[in-house]
Amino acid sequence: MHMPLRPHDPQLWIDQLFSAKAAQSGGVVRRNKIWVAREIGRARFEDEVRKRGFHLIETTQQLVVICNPGYIRLVF
């Protein structure tokens, strides 16, 4: 099975991430923190999430984007 090549253009990477069905439907996308840093850089990623009005949650290994600008409440 042939795996597609990773885009080397940061804008292409961002466009692909935020055009995903989950991102378009108000869902959740997650990416490994190390992978984000390597592909586009943490600051650029945070800027892109903020620009869209989405919410960003950081866990030990993952960056989780709530692709909805509405109110959220962390229950526990």
PDB file of N, CA and C in Angstrom:
ATOM      1  N   MET A   1       0.842  -1.177   0.000  1.00  0.00           N
ATOM      2  CA  MET A   1       0.000   0.000   0.000  1.00  0.00           C
ATOM      3  C   MET A   1       0.887   1.239   0.000  1.00  0.00           C
ATOM      4  N   HIS A   2       0.613   2.147  -0.893  1.00  0.00           N
ATOM      5  CA  HIS A   2       1.411   3.368  -1.030  1.00  0.00           C
ATOM      6  C   HIS A   2       0.823   4.470  -0.148  1.00  0.00           C
ATOM      7  N   MET A   3       1.629   5.014   0.731  1.00  0.00           N
ATOM      8  CA  MET A   3       1.193   6.105   1.602  1.00  0.00           C
ATOM      9  C   MET A   3       1.431   7.429   0.890  1.00  0.00           C
ATOM     10  N   PRO A   4       0.461   8.361   0.961  1.00  0.00           N
ATOM     11  CA  PRO A   4       0.678   9.658   0.324  1.00  0.00           C
ATOM     12  C   PRO A   4       1.800  10.421   1.009  1.00  0.00           C
ATOM     13  N   LEU A   5       2.486  11.220   0.229  1.00  0.00           N
ATOM     14  CA  LEU A   5       3.572  12.022   0.786  1.00  0.00           C
ATOM     15  C   LEU A   5       3.013  13.128   1.668  1.00  0.00           C
ATOM     16  N   ARG A   6       3.726  13.440   2.716  1.00  0.00           N
ATOM     17  CA  ARG A   6       3.349  14.565   3.575  1.00  0.00           C
ATOM     18  C   ARG A   6       3.575  15.854   2.804  1.00  0.00           C
ATOM     19  N   PRO A   7       2.646  16.777   2.927  1.00  0.00           N
ATOM     20  CA  PRO A   7       2.906  18.069   2.280  1.00  0.00           C
ATOM     21  C   PRO A   7       4.024  18.800   3.004  1.00  0.00           C
ATOM     22  N   HIS A   8       4.879  19.463   2.259  1.00  0.00           N
ATOM     23  CA  HIS A   8       5.969  20.213   2.873  1.00  0.00           C
ATOM     24  C   HIS A   8       5.632  21.691   2.983  1.00  0.00           C
ATOM     25  N   ASP A   9       4.550  22.087   2.346  1.00  0.00           N
ATOM     26  CA  ASP A   9       4.092  23.462   2.412  1.00  0.00           C
ATOM     27  C   ASP A   9       3.185  23.610   3.629  1.00  0.00           C
ATOM     28  N   PRO A  10       3.563  24.440   4.611  1.00  0.00           N
ATOM     29  CA  PRO A  10       2.731  24.585   5.816  1.00  0.00           C
ATOM     30  C   PRO A  10       1.285  24.975   5.513  1.00  0.00           C
ATOM     31  N   GLN A  11       1.067  25.820   4.526  1.00  0.00           N
ATOM     32  CA  GLN A  11      -0.303  26.224   4.206  1.00  0.00           C
ATOM     33  C   GLN A  11      -1.114  25.050   3.675  1.00  0.00           C
ATOM     34  N   LEU A  12      -0.492  24.190   2.887  1.00  0.00           N
ATOM     35  CA  LEU A  12      -1.174  22.997   2.394  1.00  0.00           C
ATOM     36  C   LEU A  12      -1.552  22.085   3.552  1.00  0.00           C
ATOM     37  N   TRP A  13      -0.656  21.924   4.503  1.00  0.00           N
ATOM     38  CA  TRP A  13      -0.921  21.099   5.693  1.00  0.00           C
ATOM     39  C   TRP A  13      -2.121  21.663   6.452  1.00  0.00           C
ATOM     40  N   ILE A  14      -2.141  22.973   6.655  1.00  0.00           N
ATOM     41  CA  ILE A  14      -3.235  23.632   7.377  1.00  0.00           C
ATOM     42  C   ILE A  14      -4.541  23.478   6.608  1.00  0.00           C
ATOM     43  N   ASP A  15      -4.497  23.700   5.303  1.00  0.00           N
ATOM     44  CA  ASP A  15      -5.699  23.570   4.481  1.00  0.00           C
ATOM     45  C   ASP A  15      -6.266  22.159   4.554  1.00  0.00           C
ATOM     46  N   GLN A  16      -5.402  21.164   4.506  1.00  0.00           N
ATOM     47  CA  GLN A  16      -5.856  19.773   4.586  1.00  0.00           C
ATOM     48  C   GLN A  16      -6.479  19.480   5.952  1.00  0.00           C
ATOM     49  N   LEU A  17      -5.854  19.951   7.002  1.00  0.00           N
ATOM     50  CA  LEU A  17      -6.366  19.697   8.356  1.00  0.00           C
ATOM     51  C   LEU A  17      -7.754  20.302   8.536  1.00  0.00           C
ATOM     52  N   PHE A  18      -7.899  21.575   8.185  1.00  0.00           N
ATOM     53  CA  PHE A  18      -9.153  22.260   8.454  1.00  0.00           C
ATOM     54  C   PHE A  18     -10.211  22.051   7.367  1.00  0.00           C
ATOM     55  N   SER A  19      -9.874  21.305   6.322  1.00  0.00           N
ATOM     56  CA  SER A  19     -10.889  20.928   5.345  1.00  0.00           C
ATOM     57  C   SER A  19     -11.414  19.520   5.621  1.00  0.00           C
ATOM     58  N   ALA A  20     -10.869  18.858   6.632  1.00  0.00           N
ATOM     59  CA  ALA A  20     -11.339  17.526   7.012  1.00  0.00           C
ATOM     60  C   ALA A  20     -12.808  17.598   7.417  1.00  0.00           C
ATOM     61  N   LYS A  21     -13.529  16.520   7.199  1.00  0.00           N
ATOM     62  CA  LYS A  21     -14.961  16.469   7.510  1.00  0.00           C
ATOM     63  C   LYS A  21     -15.234  16.863   8.963  1.00  0.00           C
ATOM     64  N   ALA A  22     -14.422  16.383   9.888  1.00  0.00           N
ATOM     65  CA  ALA A  22     -14.622  16.699  11.302  1.00  0.00           C
ATOM     66  C   ALA A  22     -14.494  18.196  11.562  1.00  0.00           C
ATOM     67  N   ALA A  23     -13.528  18.827  10.925  1.00  0.00           N
ATOM     68  CA  ALA A  23     -13.323  20.256  11.123  1.00  0.00           C
ATOM     69  C   ALA A  23     -14.472  21.053  10.510  1.00  0.00           C
ATOM     70  N   GLN A  24     -14.956  20.623   9.375  1.00  0.00           N
ATOM     71  CA  GLN A  24     -16.033  21.329   8.684  1.00  0.00           C
ATOM     72  C   GLN A  24     -17.380  21.175   9.370  1.00  0.00           C
ATOM     73  N   SER A  25     -17.556  20.098  10.116  1.00  0.00           N
ATOM     74  CA  SER A  25     -18.860  19.830  10.735  1.00  0.00           C
ATOM     75  C   SER A  25     -18.902  20.200  12.215  1.00  0.00           C
ATOM     76  N   GLY A  26     -17.913  20.942  12.679  1.00  0.00           N
ATOM     77  CA  GLY A  26     -17.914  21.343  14.086  1.00  0.00           C
ATOM     78  C   GLY A  26     -17.411  20.267  15.020  1.00  0.00           C
ATOM     79  N   GLY A  27     -16.705  19.292  14.497  1.00  0.00           N
ATOM     80  CA  GLY A  27     -16.212  18.182  15.291  1.00  0.00           C
ATOM     81  C   GLY A  27     -14.864  18.460  15.933  1.00  0.00           C
ATOM     82  N   VAL A  28     -14.094  17.418  16.083  1.00  0.00           N
ATOM     83  CA  VAL A  28     -12.817  17.471  16.779  1.00  0.00           C
ATOM     84  C   VAL A  28     -11.732  16.894  15.870  1.00  0.00           C
ATOM     85  N   VAL A  29     -10.582  17.562  15.831  1.00  0.00           N
ATOM     86  CA  VAL A  29      -9.407  16.997  15.180  1.00  0.00           C
ATOM     87  C   VAL A  29      -8.273  17.012  16.203  1.00  0.00           C
ATOM     88  N   ARG A  30      -7.407  16.038  16.098  1.00  0.00           N
ATOM     89  CA  ARG A  30      -6.274  15.994  17.028  1.00  0.00           C
ATOM     90  C   ARG A  30      -5.014  15.657  16.258  1.00  0.00           C
ATOM     91  N   ARG A  31      -3.919  16.185  16.778  1.00  0.00           N
ATOM     92  CA  ARG A  31      -2.625  15.921  16.174  1.00  0.00           C
ATOM     93  C   ARG A  31      -1.594  15.774  17.283  1.00  0.00           C
ATOM     94  N   ASN A  32      -0.604  14.952  17.024  1.00  0.00           N
ATOM     95  CA  ASN A  32       0.493  14.769  17.961  1.00  0.00           C
ATOM     96  C   ASN A  32       1.290  16.071  18.063  1.00  0.00           C
ATOM     97  N   LYS A  33       1.634  16.472  19.274  1.00  0.00           N
ATOM     98  CA  LYS A  33       2.349  17.740  19.491  1.00  0.00           C
ATOM     99  C   LYS A  33       3.690  17.780  18.763  1.00  0.00           C
ATOM    100  N   ILE A  34       4.413  16.691  18.781  1.00  0.00           N
ATOM    101  CA  ILE A  34       5.720  16.652  18.123  1.00  0.00           C
ATOM    102  C   ILE A  34       5.560  16.782  16.616  1.00  0.00           C
ATOM    103  N   TRP A  35       4.541  16.126  16.091  1.00  0.00           N
ATOM    104  CA  TRP A  35       4.277  16.168  14.653  1.00  0.00           C
ATOM    105  C   TRP A  35       3.920  17.586  14.225  1.00  0.00           C
ATOM    106  N   VAL A  36       3.081  18.274  15.007  1.00  0.00           N
ATOM    107  CA  VAL A  36       2.706  19.663  14.701  1.00  0.00           C
ATOM    108  C   VAL A  36       3.953  20.549  14.692  1.00  0.00           C
ATOM    109  N   ALA A  37       4.780  20.397  15.704  1.00  0.00           N
ATOM    110  CA  ALA A  37       5.996  21.207  15.790  1.00  0.00           C
ATOM    111  C   ALA A  37       6.890  20.986  14.572  1.00  0.00           C
ATOM    112  N   ARG A  38       6.986  19.752  14.133  1.00  0.00           N
ATOM    113  CA  ARG A  38       7.831  19.420  12.981  1.00  0.00           C
ATOM    114  C   ARG A  38       7.229  19.918  11.665  1.00  0.00           C
ATOM    115  N   GLU A  39       5.931  19.801  11.507  1.00  0.00           N
ATOM    116  CA  GLU A  39       5.284  20.134  10.236  1.00  0.00           C
ATOM    117  C   GLU A  39       5.108  21.626  10.011  1.00  0.00           C
ATOM    118  N   ILE A  40       4.578  22.343  11.016  1.00  0.00           N
ATOM    119  CA  ILE A  40       4.307  23.770  10.800  1.00  0.00           C
ATOM    120  C   ILE A  40       4.740  24.660  11.956  1.00  0.00           C
ATOM    121  N   GLY A  41       5.072  24.068  13.092  1.00  0.00           N
ATOM    122  CA  GLY A  41       5.455  24.855  14.263  1.00  0.00           C
ATOM    123  C   GLY A  41       4.252  25.113  15.161  1.00  0.00           C
ATOM    124  N   ARG A  42       4.504  25.075  16.439  1.00  0.00           N
ATOM    125  CA  ARG A  42       3.438  25.224  17.433  1.00  0.00           C
ATOM    126  C   ARG A  42       2.763  26.593  17.344  1.00  0.00           C
ATOM    127  N   ALA A  43       3.549  27.656  17.213  1.00  0.00           N
ATOM    128  CA  ALA A  43       2.984  29.008  17.178  1.00  0.00           C
ATOM    129  C   ALA A  43       2.062  29.174  15.968  1.00  0.00           C
ATOM    130  N   ARG A  44       2.479  28.684  14.821  1.00  0.00           N
ATOM    131  CA  ARG A  44       1.647  28.797  13.612  1.00  0.00           C
ATOM    132  C   ARG A  44       0.350  28.020  13.788  1.00  0.00           C
ATOM    133  N   PHE A  45       0.432  26.832  14.375  1.00  0.00           N
ATOM    134  CA  PHE A  45      -0.754  26.016  14.612  1.00  0.00           C
ATOM    135  C   PHE A  45      -1.730  26.750  15.525  1.00  0.00           C
ATOM    136  N   GLU A  46      -1.225  27.283  16.624  1.00  0.00           N
ATOM    137  CA  GLU A  46      -2.081  28.018  17.556  1.00  0.00           C
ATOM    138  C   GLU A  46      -2.717  29.222  16.873  1.00  0.00           C
ATOM    139  N   ASP A  47      -1.961  29.936  16.065  1.00  0.00           N
ATOM    140  CA  ASP A  47      -2.509  31.086  15.336  1.00  0.00           C
ATOM    141  C   ASP A  47      -3.651  30.676  14.413  1.00  0.00           C
ATOM    142  N   GLU A  48      -3.489  29.552  13.718  1.00  0.00           N
ATOM    143  CA  GLU A  48      -4.518  29.089  12.790  1.00  0.00           C
ATOM    144  C   GLU A  48      -5.791  28.666  13.530  1.00  0.00           C
ATOM    145  N   VAL A  49      -5.629  28.027  14.679  1.00  0.00           N
ATOM    146  CA  VAL A  49      -6.796  27.644  15.479  1.00  0.00           C
ATOM    147  C   VAL A  49      -7.500  28.902  15.989  1.00  0.00           C
ATOM    148  N   ARG A  50      -6.731  29.830  16.511  1.00  0.00           N
ATOM    149  CA  ARG A  50      -7.278  31.079  17.047  1.00  0.00           C
ATOM    150  C   ARG A  50      -7.972  31.888  15.955  1.00  0.00           C
ATOM    151  N   LYS A  51      -7.377  31.946  14.781  1.00  0.00           N
ATOM    152  CA  LYS A  51      -7.945  32.699  13.663  1.00  0.00           C
ATOM    153  C   LYS A  51      -9.350  32.209  13.307  1.00  0.00           C
ATOM    154  N   ARG A  52      -9.582  30.925  13.473  1.00  0.00           N
ATOM    155  CA  ARG A  52     -10.885  30.337  13.157  1.00  0.00           C
ATOM    156  C   ARG A  52     -11.874  30.433  14.317  1.00  0.00           C
ATOM    157  N   GLY A  53     -11.390  30.890  15.467  1.00  0.00           N
ATOM    158  CA  GLY A  53     -12.260  31.006  16.635  1.00  0.00           C
ATOM    159  C   GLY A  53     -12.512  29.674  17.320  1.00  0.00           C
ATOM    160  N   PHE A  54     -11.689  28.663  17.009  1.00  0.00           N
ATOM    161  CA  PHE A  54     -11.848  27.338  17.598  1.00  0.00           C
ATOM    162  C   PHE A  54     -11.162  27.279  18.965  1.00  0.00           C
ATOM    163  N   HIS A  55     -11.322  26.160  19.639  1.00  0.00           N
ATOM    164  CA  HIS A  55     -10.735  25.952  20.964  1.00  0.00           C
ATOM    165  C   HIS A  55      -9.630  24.905  20.858  1.00  0.00           C
ATOM    166  N   LEU A  56      -8.554  25.103  21.624  1.00  0.00           N
ATOM    167  CA  LEU A  56      -7.416  24.190  21.604  1.00  0.00           C
ATOM    168  C   LEU A  56      -7.188  23.633  23.003  1.00  0.00           C
ATOM    169  N   ILE A  57      -7.113  22.315  23.089  1.00  0.00           N
ATOM    170  CA  ILE A  57      -6.833  21.622  24.347  1.00  0.00           C
ATOM    171  C   ILE A  57      -5.523  20.871  24.175  1.00  0.00           C
ATOM    172  N   GLU A  58      -4.654  20.992  25.155  1.00  0.00           N
ATOM    173  CA  GLU A  58      -3.373  20.285  25.125  1.00  0.00           C
ATOM    174  C   GLU A  58      -3.397  19.159  26.151  1.00  0.00           C
ATOM    175  N   THR A  59      -3.021  17.963  25.697  1.00  0.00           N
ATOM    176  CA  THR A  59      -2.853  16.828  26.599  1.00  0.00           C
ATOM    177  C   THR A  59      -1.371  16.479  26.608  1.00  0.00           C
ATOM    178  N   THR A  60      -1.022  15.379  27.220  1.00  0.00           N
ATOM    179  CA  THR A  60       0.382  14.992  27.306  1.00  0.00           C
ATOM    180  C   THR A  60       1.035  14.890  25.937  1.00  0.00           C
ATOM    181  N   GLN A  61       0.380  14.210  25.001  1.00  0.00           N
ATOM    182  CA  GLN A  61       0.968  13.971  23.673  1.00  0.00           C
ATOM    183  C   GLN A  61       0.225  14.659  22.537  1.00  0.00           C
ATOM    184  N   GLN A  62      -0.990  15.124  22.778  1.00  0.00           N
ATOM    185  CA  GLN A  62      -1.859  15.572  21.698  1.00  0.00           C
ATOM    186  C   GLN A  62      -2.294  17.030  21.829  1.00  0.00           C
ATOM    187  N   LEU A  63      -2.582  17.622  20.682  1.00  0.00           N
ATOM    188  CA  LEU A  63      -3.274  18.904  20.600  1.00  0.00           C
ATOM    189  C   LEU A  63      -4.646  18.591  20.024  1.00  0.00           C
ATOM    190  N   VAL A  64      -5.675  18.929  20.750  1.00  0.00           N
ATOM    191  CA  VAL A  64      -7.045  18.615  20.372  1.00  0.00           C
ATOM    192  C   VAL A  64      -7.746  19.923  20.033  1.00  0.00           C
ATOM    193  N   VAL A  65      -8.294  20.002  18.830  1.00  0.00           N
ATOM    194  CA  VAL A  65      -8.987  21.209  18.384  1.00  0.00           C
ATOM    195  C   VAL A  65     -10.480  20.928  18.366  1.00  0.00           C
ATOM    196  N   ILE A  66     -11.227  21.730  19.105  1.00  0.00           N
ATOM    197  CA  ILE A  66     -12.681  21.696  19.059  1.00  0.00           C
ATOM    198  C   ILE A  66     -13.063  22.673  17.947  1.00  0.00           C
ATOM    199  N   CYS A  67     -13.525  22.162  16.836  1.00  0.00           N
ATOM    200  CA  CYS A  67     -13.754  22.972  15.638  1.00  0.00           C
ATOM    201  C   CYS A  67     -15.139  23.618  15.678  1.00  0.00           C
ATOM    202  N   ASN A  68     -15.365  24.338  16.746  1.00  0.00           N
ATOM    203  CA  ASN A  68     -16.625  25.031  16.941  1.00  0.00           C
ATOM    204  C   ASN A  68     -16.319  26.265  17.774  1.00  0.00           C
ATOM    205  N   PRO A  69     -16.707  27.437  17.304  1.00  0.00           N
ATOM    206  CA  PRO A  69     -16.388  28.656  18.049  1.00  0.00           C
ATOM    207  C   PRO A  69     -17.313  28.907  19.238  1.00  0.00           C
ATOM    208  N   GLY A  70     -18.298  28.044  19.425  1.00  0.00           N
ATOM    209  CA  GLY A  70     -19.268  28.249  20.500  1.00  0.00           C
ATOM    210  C   GLY A  70     -18.709  27.938  21.881  1.00  0.00           C
ATOM    211  N   TYR A  71     -19.553  28.131  22.856  1.00  0.00           N
ATOM    212  CA  TYR A  71     -19.217  27.919  24.258  1.00  0.00           C
ATOM    213  C   TYR A  71     -18.858  26.462  24.512  1.00  0.00           C
ATOM    214  N   ILE A  72     -17.826  26.240  25.313  1.00  0.00           N
ATOM    215  CA  ILE A  72     -17.506  24.888  25.779  1.00  0.00           C
ATOM    216  C   ILE A  72     -17.325  24.947  27.303  1.00  0.00           C
ATOM    217  N   ARG A  73     -17.546  23.822  27.930  1.00  0.00           N
ATOM    218  CA  ARG A  73     -17.357  23.707  29.377  1.00  0.00           C
ATOM    219  C   ARG A  73     -16.659  22.379  29.629  1.00  0.00           C
ATOM    220  N   LEU A  74     -15.532  22.437  30.301  1.00  0.00           N
ATOM    221  CA  LEU A  74     -14.818  21.214  30.665  1.00  0.00           C
ATOM    222  C   LEU A  74     -15.489  20.650  31.905  1.00  0.00           C
ATOM    223  N   VAL A  75     -16.089  19.489  31.784  1.00  0.00           N
ATOM    224  CA  VAL A  75     -16.879  18.907  32.876  1.00  0.00           C
ATOM    225  C   VAL A  75     -15.980  18.306  33.936  1.00  0.00           C
ATOM    226  N   PHE A  76     -15.013  17.527  33.549  1.00  0.00           N
ATOM    227  CA  PHE A  76     -14.010  16.984  34.487  1.00  0.00           C
ATOM    228  C   PHE A  76     -12.800  16.526  33.741  1.00  0.00           C
TER     229      PHE A  76
END
